[in-house]
Amino acid sequence: MTIRVILADDQPLVRAGLRMLIEQTPGIDVAGEAGTGAEAVALARDTGPDVVVMDIRMPGMDGIEATQLITAGRTRARVLVLTTFDDDDYVYGALRAGASGFLVKDMALEDILTAIRVVAAGDAIIAPGVTRRLIGQFAGQAQPGRRPKEITGITDREREVLRLVGLGMSNAEIAAALYITAGTAKTHVAHLLAKLGARDRVQLVITAHEAGLVSAARLPGPPAGPG
């Protein structure tokens, strides 16, 4: 099955570079290009892509607002946000808007292709270097003074799994920490996604922080990837 991608970036050279990369890759096609957030929203609605690779800073409607409109709509498209280190203040907003992850523009091209495949498959991915500490930082700073979000309807074991997801652990790492199989860890994560109405693993991380299950100071350093 071919993955259909929209490239949304106000820099034509960035779009051209990504298009060239994708056109040389079997199984991924470019369904369209957008230079603004509004164009990206319209293209997502009209072409039904699997993934929108979305820049944050664009004229008019920015990538965060466009992401929110796309993920809230009836389209099946999932959003993979592009960022630079100067864009860190916007990353948490993009994840809250429904993005399934974010990439740094200077990532290796093969890593970008991998990220597109991961997101298209329904998982989430976060770029190395802007991972666990970053999410913890912005989750901890979001709405200071607000009481932790109450979570109901999950078991004690699922709450513990949610805490470990919030720490950025993979299913294999969760399994090792709780002395369970990776398959059981995956099942717990799937139950959490369903019970909490989370779109993907990134939203579980945010929920864990909002519920006060994780503090930024406890976050481990190594970067997180898919799974």
C-alpha atoms as a PDB file:
ATOM      1  CA  MET A   1       0.000   0.000   0.000  1.00  0.00           C
ATOM      2  CA  THR A   2       1.390   3.392  -1.012  1.00  0.00           C
ATOM      3  CA  ILE A   3       1.670   6.119   1.648  1.00  0.00           C
ATOM      4  CA  ARG A   4       0.339   9.436   0.324  1.00  0.00           C
ATOM      5  CA  VAL A   5       2.048  12.514   1.763  1.00  0.00           C
ATOM      6  CA  ILE A   6       1.402  16.251   1.695  1.00  0.00           C
ATOM      7  CA  LEU A   7       4.414  18.527   2.131  1.00  0.00           C
ATOM      8  CA  ALA A   8       3.524  21.770   3.940  1.00  0.00           C
ATOM      9  CA  ASP A   9       6.349  24.305   4.212  1.00  0.00           C
ATOM     10  CA  ASP A  10       6.657  27.932   3.174  1.00  0.00           C
ATOM     11  CA  GLN A  11      10.153  27.322   1.787  1.00  0.00           C
ATOM     12  CA  PRO A  12       9.978  25.928  -1.780  1.00  0.00           C
ATOM     13  CA  LEU A  13      13.525  24.538  -1.511  1.00  0.00           C
ATOM     14  CA  VAL A  14      12.582  22.452   1.532  1.00  0.00           C
ATOM     15  CA  ARG A  15       9.538  21.066  -0.273  1.00  0.00           C
ATOM     16  CA  ALA A  16      11.587  20.366  -3.374  1.00  0.00           C
ATOM     17  CA  GLY A  17      14.208  18.480  -1.393  1.00  0.00           C
ATOM     18  CA  LEU A  18      11.611  16.357   0.376  1.00  0.00           C
ATOM     19  CA  ARG A  19       9.752  15.705  -2.879  1.00  0.00           C
ATOM     20  CA  MET A  20      12.948  14.535  -4.568  1.00  0.00           C
ATOM     21  CA  LEU A  21      13.677  12.212  -1.652  1.00  0.00           C
ATOM     22  CA  ILE A  22      10.174  10.751  -1.611  1.00  0.00           C
ATOM     23  CA  GLU A  23       9.962  10.315  -5.386  1.00  0.00           C
ATOM     24  CA  GLN A  24      13.028   8.068  -5.183  1.00  0.00           C
ATOM     25  CA  THR A  25      11.430   5.951  -2.462  1.00  0.00           C
ATOM     26  CA  PRO A  26       9.103   3.061  -3.319  1.00  0.00           C
ATOM     27  CA  GLY A  27       5.868   2.978  -1.382  1.00  0.00           C
ATOM     28  CA  ILE A  28       5.613   6.724  -0.667  1.00  0.00           C
ATOM     29  CA  ASP A  29       4.101   9.332  -3.000  1.00  0.00           C
ATOM     30  CA  VAL A  30       3.642  13.101  -2.744  1.00  0.00           C
ATOM     31  CA  ALA A  31      -0.069  13.904  -2.953  1.00  0.00           C
ATOM     32  CA  GLY A  32       0.457  17.655  -2.950  1.00  0.00           C
ATOM     33  CA  GLU A  33       2.409  20.652  -1.653  1.00  0.00           C
ATOM     34  CA  ALA A  34       1.294  23.599   0.461  1.00  0.00           C
ATOM     35  CA  GLY A  35       3.057  26.857   1.250  1.00  0.00           C
ATOM     36  CA  THR A  36       0.710  27.930   4.062  1.00  0.00           C
ATOM     37  CA  GLY A  37      -1.259  26.288   6.842  1.00  0.00           C
ATOM     38  CA  ALA A  38      -4.543  27.130   5.125  1.00  0.00           C
ATOM     39  CA  GLU A  39      -3.384  25.432   1.934  1.00  0.00           C
ATOM     40  CA  ALA A  40      -2.362  22.359   3.937  1.00  0.00           C
ATOM     41  CA  VAL A  41      -5.808  22.121   5.547  1.00  0.00           C
ATOM     42  CA  ALA A  42      -7.537  22.410   2.179  1.00  0.00           C
ATOM     43  CA  LEU A  43      -5.250  19.833   0.572  1.00  0.00           C
ATOM     44  CA  ALA A  44      -5.748  17.386   3.426  1.00  0.00           C
ATOM     45  CA  ARG A  45      -9.491  17.732   3.053  1.00  0.00           C
ATOM     46  CA  ASP A  46      -9.482  17.390  -0.742  1.00  0.00           C
ATOM     47  CA  THR A  47      -6.841  14.698  -1.312  1.00  0.00           C
ATOM     48  CA  GLY A  48      -7.147  12.453   1.754  1.00  0.00           C
ATOM     49  CA  PRO A  49      -3.428  11.872   2.420  1.00  0.00           C
ATOM     50  CA  ASP A  50      -2.048   9.474   5.006  1.00  0.00           C
ATOM     51  CA  VAL A  51       0.543  11.897   6.401  1.00  0.00           C
ATOM     52  CA  VAL A  52       1.005  15.669   6.346  1.00  0.00           C
ATOM     53  CA  VAL A  53       4.609  16.749   6.922  1.00  0.00           C
ATOM     54  CA  MET A  54       3.949  20.137   8.502  1.00  0.00           C
ATOM     55  CA  ASP A  55       6.237  23.101   9.112  1.00  0.00           C
ATOM     56  CA  ILE A  56       5.396  25.183  12.193  1.00  0.00           C
ATOM     57  CA  ARG A  57       6.232  28.688  11.052  1.00  0.00           C
ATOM     58  CA  MET A  58       4.260  29.660   7.963  1.00  0.00           C
ATOM     59  CA  PRO A  59       2.572  32.921   6.921  1.00  0.00           C
ATOM     60  CA  GLY A  60      -1.054  33.398   7.906  1.00  0.00           C
ATOM     61  CA  MET A  61      -2.252  30.196   9.533  1.00  0.00           C
ATOM     62  CA  ASP A  62       0.699  28.523  11.230  1.00  0.00           C
ATOM     63  CA  GLY A  63       1.400  24.823  11.466  1.00  0.00           C
ATOM     64  CA  ILE A  64      -0.113  24.438  14.934  1.00  0.00           C
ATOM     65  CA  GLU A  65      -3.515  25.800  13.928  1.00  0.00           C
ATOM     66  CA  ALA A  66      -3.404  23.811  10.687  1.00  0.00           C
ATOM     67  CA  THR A  67      -2.562  20.644  12.624  1.00  0.00           C
ATOM     68  CA  GLN A  68      -5.503  21.178  14.945  1.00  0.00           C
ATOM     69  CA  LEU A  69      -7.915  21.647  12.049  1.00  0.00           C
ATOM     70  CA  ILE A  70      -6.616  18.605  10.180  1.00  0.00           C
ATOM     71  CA  THR A  71      -6.658  16.234  13.150  1.00  0.00           C
ATOM     72  CA  ALA A  72     -10.089  17.462  14.266  1.00  0.00           C
ATOM     73  CA  GLY A  73     -11.577  16.913  10.816  1.00  0.00           C
ATOM     74  CA  ARG A  74     -12.869  13.783   9.193  1.00  0.00           C
ATOM     75  CA  THR A  75      -9.681  13.148   7.273  1.00  0.00           C
ATOM     76  CA  ARG A  76      -7.575  10.165   8.290  1.00  0.00           C
ATOM     77  CA  ALA A  77      -4.407  12.207   7.825  1.00  0.00           C
ATOM     78  CA  ARG A  78      -1.830  12.166  10.600  1.00  0.00           C
ATOM     79  CA  VAL A  79       0.497  15.109  11.077  1.00  0.00           C
ATOM     80  CA  LEU A  80       4.271  14.951  11.390  1.00  0.00           C
ATOM     81  CA  VAL A  81       5.581  18.374  12.421  1.00  0.00           C
ATOM     82  CA  LEU A  82       8.857  19.842  11.179  1.00  0.00           C
ATOM     83  CA  THR A  83      10.783  21.970  13.648  1.00  0.00           C
ATOM     84  CA  THR A  84      14.113  23.657  14.260  1.00  0.00           C
ATOM     85  CA  PHE A  85      15.649  24.166  17.684  1.00  0.00           C
ATOM     86  CA  ASP A  86      14.391  27.761  17.526  1.00  0.00           C
ATOM     87  CA  ASP A  87      10.860  26.362  17.325  1.00  0.00           C
ATOM     88  CA  ASP A  88      10.924  24.592  20.685  1.00  0.00           C
ATOM     89  CA  ASP A  89       8.371  26.972  22.203  1.00  0.00           C
ATOM     90  CA  TYR A  90       5.830  25.679  19.698  1.00  0.00           C
ATOM     91  CA  VAL A  91       6.406  21.938  19.989  1.00  0.00           C
ATOM     92  CA  TYR A  92       4.126  21.306  22.934  1.00  0.00           C
ATOM     93  CA  GLY A  93       1.345  23.266  21.259  1.00  0.00           C
ATOM     94  CA  ALA A  94       1.751  21.177  18.118  1.00  0.00           C
ATOM     95  CA  LEU A  95       1.500  17.929  20.088  1.00  0.00           C
ATOM     96  CA  ARG A  96      -1.552  19.203  21.936  1.00  0.00           C
ATOM     97  CA  ALA A  97      -3.059  20.075  18.567  1.00  0.00           C
ATOM     98  CA  GLY A  98      -2.892  16.395  17.594  1.00  0.00           C
ATOM     99  CA  ALA A  99       0.460  15.973  15.873  1.00  0.00           C
ATOM    100  CA  SER A 100       1.767  12.417  15.930  1.00  0.00           C
ATOM    101  CA  GLY A 101       5.318  13.599  16.456  1.00  0.00           C
ATOM    102  CA  PHE A 102       7.894  16.007  15.187  1.00  0.00           C
ATOM    103  CA  LEU A 103      11.119  16.055  13.250  1.00  0.00           C
ATOM    104  CA  VAL A 104      14.118  18.342  13.185  1.00  0.00           C
ATOM    105  CA  LYS A 105      14.828  19.670   9.717  1.00  0.00           C
ATOM    106  CA  ASP A 106      18.477  18.645   9.782  1.00  0.00           C
ATOM    107  CA  MET A 107      17.687  14.975  10.454  1.00  0.00           C
ATOM    108  CA  ALA A 108      19.125  12.374   8.101  1.00  0.00           C
ATOM    109  CA  LEU A 109      16.917  11.865   5.071  1.00  0.00           C
ATOM    110  CA  GLU A 110      16.479   8.174   5.823  1.00  0.00           C
ATOM    111  CA  ASP A 111      15.228   9.071   9.302  1.00  0.00           C
ATOM    112  CA  ILE A 112      12.591  11.335   7.777  1.00  0.00           C
ATOM    113  CA  LEU A 113      11.366   8.482   5.571  1.00  0.00           C
ATOM    114  CA  THR A 114      11.279   6.174   8.580  1.00  0.00           C
ATOM    115  CA  ALA A 115       9.257   8.735  10.529  1.00  0.00           C
ATOM    116  CA  ILE A 116       6.719   9.017   7.705  1.00  0.00           C
ATOM    117  CA  ARG A 117       6.274   5.234   7.681  1.00  0.00           C
ATOM    118  CA  VAL A 118       5.947   5.065  11.476  1.00  0.00           C
ATOM    119  CA  VAL A 119       3.285   7.770  11.595  1.00  0.00           C
ATOM    120  CA  ALA A 120       1.397   6.309   8.634  1.00  0.00           C
ATOM    121  CA  ALA A 121       1.269   2.972  10.477  1.00  0.00           C
ATOM    122  CA  GLY A 122      -0.535   4.634  13.389  1.00  0.00           C
ATOM    123  CA  ASP A 123       2.366   5.076  15.785  1.00  0.00           C
ATOM    124  CA  ALA A 124       4.155   8.221  16.893  1.00  0.00           C
ATOM    125  CA  ILE A 125       7.752   9.357  16.671  1.00  0.00           C
ATOM    126  CA  ILE A 126       9.822  12.090  18.259  1.00  0.00           C
ATOM    127  CA  ALA A 127      13.122  13.323  16.908  1.00  0.00           C
ATOM    128  CA  PRO A 128      16.296  12.573  18.892  1.00  0.00           C
ATOM    129  CA  GLY A 129      17.622  15.654  20.664  1.00  0.00           C
ATOM    130  CA  VAL A 130      14.168  17.146  21.322  1.00  0.00           C
ATOM    131  CA  THR A 131      12.568  14.168  22.991  1.00  0.00           C
ATOM    132  CA  ARG A 132      11.801  13.274  26.582  1.00  0.00           C
ATOM    133  CA  ARG A 133      13.248  16.309  28.306  1.00  0.00           C
ATOM    134  CA  LEU A 134      11.495  18.619  25.870  1.00  0.00           C
ATOM    135  CA  ILE A 135       8.068  17.053  26.311  1.00  0.00           C
ATOM    136  CA  GLY A 136       8.539  17.027  30.062  1.00  0.00           C
ATOM    137  CA  GLN A 137       9.592  20.670  30.035  1.00  0.00           C
ATOM    138  CA  PHE A 138       6.615  21.892  28.080  1.00  0.00           C
ATOM    139  CA  ALA A 139       4.141  19.599  29.788  1.00  0.00           C
ATOM    140  CA  GLY A 140       5.409  20.843  33.131  1.00  0.00           C
ATOM    141  CA  GLN A 141       5.162  24.463  32.047  1.00  0.00           C
ATOM    142  CA  ALA A 142       1.708  24.163  30.542  1.00  0.00           C
ATOM    143  CA  GLN A 143      -0.855  26.133  32.527  1.00  0.00           C
ATOM    144  CA  PRO A 144       1.231  26.611  35.685  1.00  0.00           C
ATOM    145  CA  GLY A 145      -0.653  26.311  38.952  1.00  0.00           C
ATOM    146  CA  ARG A 146      -3.360  24.142  37.466  1.00  0.00           C
ATOM    147  CA  ARG A 147      -4.294  21.044  39.435  1.00  0.00           C
ATOM    148  CA  PRO A 148      -3.244  17.692  37.913  1.00  0.00           C
ATOM    149  CA  LYS A 149      -5.744  16.183  35.525  1.00  0.00           C
ATOM    150  CA  GLU A 150      -7.774  13.381  37.104  1.00  0.00           C
ATOM    151  CA  ILE A 151      -7.721  10.067  35.261  1.00  0.00           C
ATOM    152  CA  THR A 152     -10.473   7.535  35.882  1.00  0.00           C
ATOM    153  CA  GLY A 153     -11.434   4.226  34.334  1.00  0.00           C
ATOM    154  CA  ILE A 154      -7.977   2.664  34.194  1.00  0.00           C
ATOM    155  CA  THR A 155      -6.461  -0.030  36.394  1.00  0.00           C
ATOM    156  CA  ASP A 156      -3.540   0.448  38.765  1.00  0.00           C
ATOM    157  CA  ARG A 157      -1.322  -1.502  36.373  1.00  0.00           C
ATOM    158  CA  GLU A 158      -2.407   0.678  33.439  1.00  0.00           C
ATOM    159  CA  ARG A 159      -1.685   3.779  35.509  1.00  0.00           C
ATOM    160  CA  GLU A 160       1.848   2.507  36.125  1.00  0.00           C
ATOM    161  CA  VAL A 161       2.277   1.758  32.420  1.00  0.00           C
ATOM    162  CA  LEU A 162       1.051   5.273  31.641  1.00  0.00           C
ATOM    163  CA  ARG A 163       3.672   6.703  33.993  1.00  0.00           C
ATOM    164  CA  LEU A 164       6.408   4.758  32.197  1.00  0.00           C
ATOM    165  CA  VAL A 165       5.096   5.852  28.803  1.00  0.00           C
ATOM    166  CA  GLY A 166       5.304   9.392  30.159  1.00  0.00           C
ATOM    167  CA  LEU A 167       8.949   8.779  30.943  1.00  0.00           C
ATOM    168  CA  GLY A 168       9.488   8.020  27.257  1.00  0.00           C
ATOM    169  CA  MET A 169       9.966   4.275  27.648  1.00  0.00           C
ATOM    170  CA  SER A 170       9.403   1.888  24.775  1.00  0.00           C
ATOM    171  CA  ASN A 171       7.235  -1.218  25.166  1.00  0.00           C
ATOM    172  CA  ALA A 172      10.370  -3.315  25.656  1.00  0.00           C
ATOM    173  CA  GLU A 173      11.642  -0.973  28.386  1.00  0.00           C
ATOM    174  CA  ILE A 174       8.242  -1.006  30.102  1.00  0.00           C
ATOM    175  CA  ALA A 175       8.208  -4.793  29.989  1.00  0.00           C
ATOM    176  CA  ALA A 176      11.627  -4.972  31.613  1.00  0.00           C
ATOM    177  CA  ALA A 177      10.704  -2.454  34.316  1.00  0.00           C
ATOM    178  CA  LEU A 178       7.478  -4.260  35.246  1.00  0.00           C
ATOM    179  CA  TYR A 179       8.729  -7.827  34.683  1.00  0.00           C
ATOM    180  CA  ILE A 180       6.114  -8.531  32.024  1.00  0.00           C
ATOM    181  CA  THR A 181       6.383  -9.516  28.364  1.00  0.00           C
ATOM    182  CA  ALA A 182       6.661  -6.940  25.602  1.00  0.00           C
ATOM    183  CA  GLY A 183       3.361  -8.249  24.242  1.00  0.00           C
ATOM    184  CA  THR A 184       1.641  -7.584  27.558  1.00  0.00           C
ATOM    185  CA  ALA A 185       3.123  -4.084  27.678  1.00  0.00           C
ATOM    186  CA  LYS A 186       1.834  -3.442  24.173  1.00  0.00           C
ATOM    187  CA  THR A 187      -1.622  -4.629  25.213  1.00  0.00           C
ATOM    188  CA  HIS A 188      -1.646  -2.280  28.203  1.00  0.00           C
ATOM    189  CA  VAL A 189      -0.671   0.621  25.952  1.00  0.00           C
ATOM    190  CA  ALA A 190      -3.444  -0.285  23.509  1.00  0.00           C
ATOM    191  CA  HIS A 191      -5.967  -0.336  26.370  1.00  0.00           C
ATOM    192  CA  LEU A 192      -4.770   3.081  27.512  1.00  0.00           C
ATOM    193  CA  LEU A 193      -5.143   4.509  24.013  1.00  0.00           C
ATOM    194  CA  ALA A 194      -8.712   3.230  23.850  1.00  0.00           C
ATOM    195  CA  LYS A 195      -9.773   4.170  27.389  1.00  0.00           C
ATOM    196  CA  LEU A 196      -8.252   7.655  27.318  1.00  0.00           C
ATOM    197  CA  GLY A 197      -9.283   8.412  23.746  1.00  0.00           C
ATOM    198  CA  ALA A 198      -5.675   9.164  22.831  1.00  0.00           C
ATOM    199  CA  ARG A 199      -4.732   9.395  19.188  1.00  0.00           C
ATOM    200  CA  ASP A 200      -1.293   7.885  19.707  1.00  0.00           C
ATOM    201  CA  ARG A 201       1.588   7.417  22.126  1.00  0.00           C
ATOM    202  CA  VAL A 202       2.554  11.084  22.114  1.00  0.00           C
ATOM    203  CA  GLN A 203      -0.841  11.995  23.550  1.00  0.00           C
ATOM    204  CA  LEU A 204      -0.353   9.391  26.271  1.00  0.00           C
ATOM    205  CA  VAL A 205       2.912  11.117  27.213  1.00  0.00           C
ATOM    206  CA  ILE A 206       1.113  14.442  27.488  1.00  0.00           C
ATOM    207  CA  THR A 207      -1.700  12.882  29.536  1.00  0.00           C
ATOM    208  CA  ALA A 208       0.819  11.351  31.938  1.00  0.00           C
ATOM    209  CA  HIS A 209       2.348  14.782  32.529  1.00  0.00           C
ATOM    210  CA  GLU A 210      -0.996  16.527  32.893  1.00  0.00           C
ATOM    211  CA  ALA A 211      -2.029  13.929  35.465  1.00  0.00           C
ATOM    212  CA  GLY A 212       1.087  14.615  37.501  1.00  0.00           C
ATOM    213  CA  LEU A 213       2.423  11.088  37.023  1.00  0.00           C
ATOM    214  CA  VAL A 214       5.755  12.382  35.693  1.00  0.00           C
ATOM    215  CA  SER A 215       7.898  15.390  36.491  1.00  0.00           C
ATOM    216  CA  ALA A 216      10.445  16.863  34.097  1.00  0.00           C
ATOM    217  CA  ALA A 217      13.213  16.290  36.633  1.00  0.00           C
ATOM    218  CA  ARG A 218      12.635  12.536  36.507  1.00  0.00           C
ATOM    219  CA  LEU A 219      12.901  12.246  32.776  1.00  0.00           C
ATOM    220  CA  PRO A 220      15.811  10.099  31.525  1.00  0.00           C
ATOM    221  CA  GLY A 221      18.195  11.506  29.008  1.00  0.00           C
ATOM    222  CA  PRO A 222      18.352   9.048  26.065  1.00  0.00           C
ATOM    223  CA  PRO A 223      16.145   9.913  23.097  1.00  0.00           C
ATOM    224  CA  ALA A 224      12.921   8.083  22.366  1.00  0.00           C
ATOM    225  CA  GLY A 225      11.967   6.584  19.052  1.00  0.00           C
ATOM    226  CA  PRO A 226       8.939   4.723  17.738  1.00  0.00           C
ATOM    227  CA  GLY A 227       7.303   1.950  19.707  1.00  0.00           C
END
